[in-house]
């Protein structure tokens, strides 16, 4: 009996070792700063809390199945896949490594978003030459840059999905691919495992992409009403602006969204140049608190029409999964373009309204 008990205990200990994880992390913060370990697979569940000592902190425990997590304090966060083994997190540099899936995701993430950084540098160079080009030439070159780097990102995501099937690495790569190549996303989704399909970001992507088919360029706009959406508290509908004989640029934004605020100067440039009988702008606040939107509007230079409190209505009807997201409508309400950014806004309108 003692021999059997000893064997069982040894097996139990071996099992604990196989499932054990440790997170060894660095973070430049005052001693006593609280740091959280959060499971983000299906929501935002706090698993553990620790404190910083001498710019270091650690977590340890057991994990039965890998899951998507982050460690952090406030907006200082590192997302990674938690699995058995020792993960090394640098909260200052926003990196996670050490275990196979953590390394794979970190490498993918750096390369994928590195393409965005390179594209943005080329955009700046293109903007510097804008005066030497016609509006059509500028817009075509802008589109070419977008297509070039989107293709590189899609190829990278595709290779990662094939290399890491039935894992959160594949799920995260599929999520990043979603709006770069919706057709390939749908093919991968169809063949994906339940783990990948059930990952909340992928589920959201699939729903939004299904909606996008109904709100693609060439489709007529879909109307909706936001209760109390006008700044004065009265109800407002898209049809109050769209389909009334003007080109309408619909700007989806939020007060907490840094890229949205960075886009305002380009939108203001278009407004100042083209506002009038043929063109107008409507900004619509998504997933934002009314008071936060109002406070931001008091500080920002946005003198055009505003819709507040839209919350997730644009996600449900137009598939607006990320912001800023700009949609240009024709005078009859037909959707002309989606995803305009930066100087492309002015160039597109100049070509239409010259």
Protein backbone atom coordinates (compact mmCIF):
# COMPACT_ATOMS: atom_id res chain seq x y z
CA UNK A 1 0.00 0.00 0.00
CA UNK A 2 2.82 2.41 0.90
CA UNK A 3 4.52 1.66 -2.42
CA UNK A 4 1.30 2.47 -4.36
CA UNK A 5 0.78 5.70 -2.39
CA UNK A 6 4.37 6.75 -3.04
CA UNK A 7 3.97 6.10 -6.76
CA UNK A 8 0.76 8.12 -6.86
CA UNK A 9 2.41 11.00 -5.03
CA UNK A 10 5.31 10.95 -7.44
CA UNK A 11 2.94 10.98 -10.40
CA UNK A 12 1.03 13.90 -8.89
CA UNK A 13 4.25 15.86 -8.39
CA UNK A 14 5.34 15.13 -11.94
CA UNK A 15 1.97 16.35 -13.17
CA UNK A 16 2.36 19.58 -11.16
CA UNK A 17 5.78 20.12 -12.73
CA UNK A 18 4.43 19.68 -16.21
CA UNK A 19 1.70 22.27 -15.62
CA UNK A 20 3.75 24.79 -13.66
CA UNK A 21 4.37 28.27 -15.03
CA UNK A 22 6.46 31.19 -13.86
CA UNK A 23 6.48 34.78 -15.08
CA UNK A 24 9.72 36.61 -14.39
CA UNK A 25 9.27 40.28 -15.21
CA UNK A 26 10.96 43.68 -15.15
CA UNK A 27 9.12 46.99 -14.81
CA UNK A 28 10.53 50.40 -13.97
CA UNK A 29 8.05 51.50 -11.31
CA UNK A 30 8.04 52.49 -7.61
CA UNK A 31 8.23 49.69 -5.06
CA UNK A 32 4.76 48.55 -4.09
CA UNK A 33 3.19 49.26 -7.48
CA UNK A 34 0.48 46.65 -8.04
CA UNK A 35 0.74 44.50 -11.16
CA UNK A 36 -2.06 42.22 -12.37
CA UNK A 37 -2.18 38.93 -14.23
CA UNK A 38 -5.34 38.93 -16.35
CA UNK A 39 -6.92 36.12 -18.40
CA UNK A 40 -8.33 37.82 -21.53
CA UNK A 41 -9.39 34.69 -23.39
CA UNK A 42 -13.12 35.22 -22.84
CA UNK A 43 -13.23 38.50 -20.98
CA UNK A 44 -11.06 40.13 -18.36
CA UNK A 45 -10.57 37.86 -15.33
CA UNK A 46 -8.04 38.80 -12.67
CA UNK A 47 -6.00 35.72 -11.79
CA UNK A 48 -3.40 37.20 -9.43
CA UNK A 49 -1.97 40.45 -8.09
CA UNK A 50 1.58 41.15 -7.00
CA UNK A 51 3.78 44.19 -6.37
CA UNK A 52 6.96 45.60 -7.84
CA UNK A 53 10.15 45.36 -5.78
CA UNK A 54 13.45 46.71 -7.13
CA UNK A 55 11.88 47.06 -10.60
CA UNK A 56 10.99 43.38 -10.75
CA UNK A 57 7.95 41.22 -10.10
CA UNK A 58 6.93 37.59 -10.60
CA UNK A 59 3.94 35.28 -10.82
CA UNK A 60 3.83 31.50 -10.54
CA UNK A 61 1.20 28.78 -10.52
CA UNK A 62 -0.27 26.03 -12.65
CA UNK A 63 -2.00 26.20 -16.00
CA UNK A 64 -4.00 23.25 -17.32
CA UNK A 65 -4.39 24.65 -20.85
CA UNK A 66 -2.62 27.59 -22.52
CA UNK A 67 -4.60 30.84 -22.64
CA UNK A 68 -4.24 34.45 -23.76
CA UNK A 69 -3.26 36.73 -20.92
CA UNK A 70 -1.61 39.98 -20.04
CA UNK A 71 0.38 41.32 -17.14
CA UNK A 72 0.38 44.99 -16.40
CA UNK A 73 -0.43 48.09 -14.46
CA UNK A 74 -2.93 50.54 -15.96
CA UNK A 75 -2.12 51.01 -19.65
CA UNK A 76 1.33 49.44 -19.27
CA UNK A 77 0.62 45.92 -20.49
CA UNK A 78 2.22 42.96 -22.21
CA UNK A 79 -0.07 40.45 -23.91
CA UNK A 80 1.24 36.92 -24.34
CA UNK A 81 0.13 33.28 -24.34
CA UNK A 82 0.52 31.73 -20.90
CA UNK A 83 1.58 28.08 -20.94
CA UNK A 84 3.71 25.80 -18.75
CA UNK A 85 7.29 26.98 -18.47
CA UNK A 86 9.04 30.24 -17.62
CA UNK A 87 8.03 33.38 -19.46
CA UNK A 88 10.12 36.53 -19.37
CA UNK A 89 8.21 39.81 -19.58
CA UNK A 90 9.68 43.27 -20.07
CA UNK A 91 6.88 45.66 -19.27
CA UNK A 92 9.01 48.65 -20.26
CA UNK A 93 9.70 47.26 -23.74
CA UNK A 94 6.27 45.56 -24.07
CA UNK A 95 7.73 42.14 -24.87
CA UNK A 96 7.07 38.60 -23.66
CA UNK A 97 9.24 35.56 -24.41
CA UNK A 98 10.65 32.33 -23.05
CA UNK A 99 8.03 29.69 -23.89
CA UNK A 100 7.29 28.38 -27.40
CA UNK A 101 3.96 30.15 -27.93
CA UNK A 102 5.08 33.33 -26.18
CA UNK A 103 8.09 33.48 -28.50
CA UNK A 104 6.00 32.75 -31.59
CA UNK A 105 3.41 35.39 -30.77
CA UNK A 106 6.01 38.00 -29.82
CA UNK A 107 7.89 37.44 -33.08
CA UNK A 108 4.69 37.60 -35.12
CA UNK A 109 3.45 40.74 -33.35
CA UNK A 110 6.74 42.62 -33.83
CA UNK A 111 6.96 41.75 -37.52
CA UNK A 112 3.28 42.33 -38.27
CA UNK A 113 3.16 45.80 -36.72
CA UNK A 114 6.64 46.59 -37.97
CA UNK A 115 5.10 46.61 -41.45
CA UNK A 116 2.68 49.29 -40.22
CA UNK A 117 5.57 51.44 -39.03
CA UNK A 118 7.41 51.10 -42.36
CA UNK A 119 4.22 51.88 -44.30
CA UNK A 120 3.65 55.01 -42.21
CA UNK A 121 7.15 56.24 -42.97
CA UNK A 122 6.49 55.77 -46.69
CA UNK A 123 3.19 57.61 -46.28
CA UNK A 124 5.04 60.60 -44.82
CA UNK A 125 7.42 60.60 -47.77
CA UNK A 126 4.44 60.45 -50.14
CA UNK A 127 2.71 63.34 -48.36
CA UNK A 128 5.86 65.43 -48.78
CA UNK A 129 5.51 65.00 -52.57
CA UNK A 130 1.76 65.61 -52.67
CA UNK A 131 2.02 69.05 -54.31
CA UNK A 132 3.88 67.48 -57.24
CA UNK A 133 1.05 65.00 -57.93
CA UNK A 134 -2.53 65.13 -59.09
CA UNK A 135 -5.18 64.09 -56.55
CA UNK A 136 -5.73 60.84 -58.45
CA UNK A 137 -2.01 60.05 -58.59
CA UNK A 138 -1.69 60.68 -54.86
CA UNK A 139 -4.74 58.57 -53.99
CA UNK A 140 -3.59 55.73 -56.26
CA UNK A 141 -0.12 55.74 -54.71
CA UNK A 142 -1.63 55.79 -51.21
CA UNK A 143 -3.76 52.77 -52.10
CA UNK A 144 -0.71 51.01 -53.55
CA UNK A 145 1.17 51.45 -50.27
CA UNK A 146 -1.77 50.08 -48.30
CA UNK A 147 -2.07 47.08 -50.61
CA UNK A 148 1.69 46.40 -50.54
CA UNK A 149 1.97 46.23 -46.77
CA UNK A 150 -1.39 44.54 -46.26
CA UNK A 151 -0.18 41.76 -48.58
CA UNK A 152 3.00 41.35 -46.53
CA UNK A 153 0.98 41.20 -43.31
CA UNK A 154 -1.45 38.68 -44.74
CA UNK A 155 1.38 36.44 -45.95
CA UNK A 156 2.97 36.55 -42.51
CA UNK A 157 -0.30 35.79 -40.71
CA UNK A 158 -1.06 32.98 -43.14
CA UNK A 159 2.31 31.32 -42.46
CA UNK A 160 1.79 31.56 -38.69
CA UNK A 161 -1.72 30.09 -38.89
CA UNK A 162 -0.40 27.13 -40.87
CA UNK A 163 2.55 26.64 -38.51
CA UNK A 164 0.53 26.83 -35.28
CA UNK A 165 -2.91 25.27 -35.98
CA UNK A 166 -5.30 24.73 -33.09
CA UNK A 167 -3.54 27.29 -30.88
CA UNK A 168 -3.96 30.83 -29.63
CA UNK A 169 -1.02 31.81 -31.83
CA UNK A 170 -3.15 30.91 -34.86
CA UNK A 171 -6.20 32.62 -33.35
CA UNK A 172 -4.32 35.87 -32.81
CA UNK A 173 -2.79 35.77 -36.30
CA UNK A 174 -6.24 35.13 -37.77
CA UNK A 175 -7.61 38.12 -35.84
CA UNK A 176 -4.90 40.39 -37.26
CA UNK A 177 -5.54 39.06 -40.77
CA UNK A 178 -9.30 39.61 -40.62
CA UNK A 179 -9.61 43.04 -42.24
CA UNK A 180 -6.54 42.72 -44.46
CA UNK A 181 -7.92 39.81 -46.53
CA UNK A 182 -11.48 38.88 -45.58
CA UNK A 183 -11.71 36.09 -48.17
CA UNK A 184 -8.64 34.30 -46.77
CA UNK A 185 -9.87 34.93 -43.24
CA UNK A 186 -13.14 33.18 -44.05
CA UNK A 187 -11.34 30.21 -45.62
CA UNK A 188 -9.15 29.77 -42.55
CA UNK A 189 -12.15 30.25 -40.28
CA UNK A 190 -14.06 27.50 -42.05
CA UNK A 191 -11.21 25.03 -41.47
CA UNK A 192 -10.24 26.25 -37.97
CA UNK A 193 -10.51 24.25 -34.77
CA UNK A 194 -13.12 25.07 -32.15
CA UNK A 195 -10.42 26.69 -29.99
CA UNK A 196 -9.63 29.17 -32.77
CA UNK A 197 -13.27 29.77 -33.78
CA UNK A 198 -14.37 30.31 -30.19
CA UNK A 199 -11.63 32.85 -29.40
CA UNK A 200 -13.58 36.02 -28.69
CA UNK A 201 -11.64 38.26 -31.08
CA UNK A 202 -12.10 35.79 -33.93
CA UNK A 203 -15.81 35.40 -33.17
CA UNK A 204 -16.18 39.19 -33.24
CA UNK A 205 -14.25 39.39 -36.53
CA UNK A 206 -16.45 36.76 -38.14
CA UNK A 207 -19.61 38.58 -37.13
CA UNK A 208 -18.29 41.95 -38.33
CA UNK A 209 -17.04 40.58 -41.65
CA UNK A 210 -20.43 39.04 -42.30
CA UNK A 211 -21.91 42.50 -41.73
CA UNK A 212 -19.32 44.18 -43.98
CA UNK A 213 -20.72 42.37 -47.01
CA UNK A 214 -23.92 44.40 -46.58
CA UNK A 215 -22.11 47.72 -46.17
CA UNK A 216 -19.39 47.48 -48.82
CA UNK A 217 -18.74 50.25 -51.37
CA UNK A 218 -21.59 50.30 -53.86
CA UNK A 219 -24.24 49.38 -51.27
CA UNK A 220 -26.92 51.81 -50.07
CA UNK A 221 -26.46 53.10 -46.53
CA UNK A 222 -28.29 51.41 -43.66
CA UNK A 223 -30.17 53.85 -41.48
CA UNK A 224 -30.31 53.78 -37.68
CA UNK A 225 -31.38 56.08 -34.88
CA UNK A 226 -29.41 57.00 -31.75
CA UNK A 227 -31.70 57.91 -28.87
CA UNK A 228 -30.59 61.26 -27.46
CA UNK A 229 -27.65 61.24 -29.88
CA UNK A 230 -27.71 64.95 -30.69
CA UNK A 231 -25.65 67.20 -28.40
CA UNK A 232 -28.94 68.78 -27.23
CA UNK A 233 -30.28 65.36 -26.20
CA UNK A 234 -32.74 64.86 -29.06
CA UNK A 235 -32.80 61.72 -31.20
CA UNK A 236 -30.76 61.62 -34.39
CA UNK A 237 -30.69 59.28 -37.40
CA UNK A 238 -28.10 58.79 -40.14
CA UNK A 239 -30.82 59.71 -42.63
CA UNK A 240 -30.87 63.21 -41.11
CA UNK A 241 -27.58 63.71 -42.96
CA UNK A 242 -27.01 60.91 -45.48
CA UNK A 243 -28.93 60.66 -48.74
CA UNK A 244 -29.85 64.36 -48.66
CA UNK A 245 -27.90 65.44 -51.74
CA UNK A 246 -24.44 65.94 -50.18
CA UNK A 247 -21.29 63.88 -49.95
CA UNK A 248 -21.06 62.91 -46.28
CA UNK A 249 -17.90 61.81 -44.50
CA UNK A 250 -18.85 59.75 -41.44
CA UNK A 251 -16.06 59.68 -38.87
CA UNK A 252 -16.27 56.96 -36.20
CA UNK A 253 -14.18 57.97 -33.19
CA UNK A 254 -13.97 58.10 -29.37
CA UNK A 255 -12.46 60.50 -26.86
CA UNK A 256 -10.14 57.76 -25.52
CA UNK A 257 -8.81 56.82 -28.97
CA UNK A 258 -5.39 58.35 -29.66
CA UNK A 259 -5.34 57.50 -33.40
CA UNK A 260 -8.82 59.07 -33.72
CA UNK A 261 -7.59 62.34 -32.25
CA UNK A 262 -4.48 62.20 -34.45
CA UNK A 263 -6.79 61.98 -37.49
CA UNK A 264 -8.65 65.22 -36.64
CA UNK A 265 -6.26 67.63 -38.45
CA UNK A 266 -6.72 65.72 -41.73
CA UNK A 267 -10.50 65.75 -41.28
CA UNK A 268 -10.44 69.46 -40.41
CA UNK A 269 -8.44 70.17 -43.56
CA UNK A 270 -11.13 68.50 -45.68
CA UNK A 271 -13.89 70.31 -43.79
CA UNK A 272 -12.32 73.74 -44.27
CA UNK A 273 -11.72 73.11 -47.97
CA UNK A 274 -15.02 71.52 -49.03
CA UNK A 275 -17.82 72.24 -46.53
CA UNK A 276 -20.90 73.70 -48.15
CA UNK A 277 -23.76 72.68 -50.43
CA UNK A 278 -21.97 69.58 -51.72
CA UNK A 279 -20.14 68.22 -48.67
CA UNK A 280 -20.41 67.83 -44.91
CA UNK A 281 -18.91 65.80 -42.07
CA UNK A 282 -20.50 63.89 -39.21
CA UNK A 283 -18.45 62.49 -36.33
CA UNK A 284 -20.08 59.71 -34.37
CA UNK A 285 -18.80 58.71 -30.92
CA UNK A 286 -18.54 54.93 -30.46
CA UNK A 287 -18.14 53.02 -27.18
CA UNK A 288 -17.62 56.26 -25.28
CA UNK A 289 -19.18 57.93 -22.26
CA UNK A 290 -21.30 60.93 -23.18
CA UNK A 291 -19.58 63.21 -20.67
CA UNK A 292 -16.15 62.16 -21.94
CA UNK A 293 -17.17 62.89 -25.53
CA UNK A 294 -18.52 66.32 -24.58
CA UNK A 295 -15.39 67.19 -22.60
CA UNK A 296 -13.20 66.17 -25.55
CA UNK A 297 -15.27 68.21 -28.00
CA UNK A 298 -14.76 71.29 -25.84
CA UNK A 299 -11.00 70.89 -26.23
CA UNK A 300 -10.71 69.62 -29.80
CA UNK A 301 -11.19 71.50 -33.06
CA UNK A 302 -14.25 69.67 -34.45
CA UNK A 303 -16.83 72.27 -35.59
CA UNK A 304 -18.84 69.87 -37.74
CA UNK A 305 -21.90 67.73 -36.89
CA UNK A 306 -21.65 65.40 -33.89
CA UNK A 307 -23.55 62.28 -32.87
CA UNK A 308 -23.03 61.07 -29.30
CA UNK A 309 -23.70 57.77 -27.52
CA UNK A 310 -23.73 55.51 -30.58
CA UNK A 311 -21.96 52.87 -28.46
CA UNK A 312 -21.85 49.61 -30.49
CA UNK A 313 -24.54 50.36 -33.08
CA UNK A 314 -21.96 51.01 -35.85
CA UNK A 315 -20.28 47.69 -35.02
CA UNK A 316 -23.54 45.81 -35.36
CA UNK A 317 -24.71 47.47 -38.59
CA UNK A 318 -21.52 48.57 -40.35
CA UNK A 319 -18.89 46.22 -38.96
CA UNK A 320 -16.83 49.07 -37.52
CA UNK A 321 -14.54 46.89 -35.44
CA UNK A 322 -11.70 49.40 -35.03
CA UNK A 323 -11.56 53.18 -34.88
CA UNK A 324 -10.91 55.63 -36.38
CA UNK A 325 -12.98 54.41 -39.31
CA UNK A 326 -14.19 56.82 -41.96
CA UNK A 327 -16.92 56.07 -44.50
CA UNK A 328 -17.66 58.34 -47.46
CA UNK A 329 -21.25 58.41 -48.78
CA UNK A 330 -22.45 59.71 -52.15
CA UNK A 331 -25.23 62.31 -52.34
CA UNK A 332 -27.82 59.56 -52.90
CA UNK A 333 -26.64 57.59 -49.85
CA UNK A 334 -24.51 55.02 -51.67
CA UNK A 335 -21.33 53.97 -49.87
CA UNK A 336 -18.34 55.17 -51.90
CA UNK A 337 -15.29 54.39 -49.79
CA UNK A 338 -14.40 52.90 -46.41
CA UNK A 339 -11.21 53.30 -44.41
CA UNK A 340 -9.96 56.66 -45.68
CA UNK A 341 -7.03 58.02 -43.61
CA UNK A 342 -4.72 61.01 -43.50
CA UNK A 343 -4.09 63.00 -46.66
CA UNK A 344 -6.08 60.44 -48.65
CA UNK A 345 -9.23 62.10 -47.26
CA UNK A 346 -8.44 65.46 -48.88
CA UNK A 347 -7.15 63.93 -52.12
CA UNK A 348 -10.28 61.77 -52.56
CA UNK A 349 -12.63 64.69 -51.96
CA UNK A 350 -10.62 67.01 -54.18
CA UNK A 351 -10.95 64.51 -57.01
CA UNK A 352 -14.74 64.26 -56.44
CA UNK A 353 -15.50 67.93 -55.83
CA UNK A 354 -13.00 69.75 -58.06
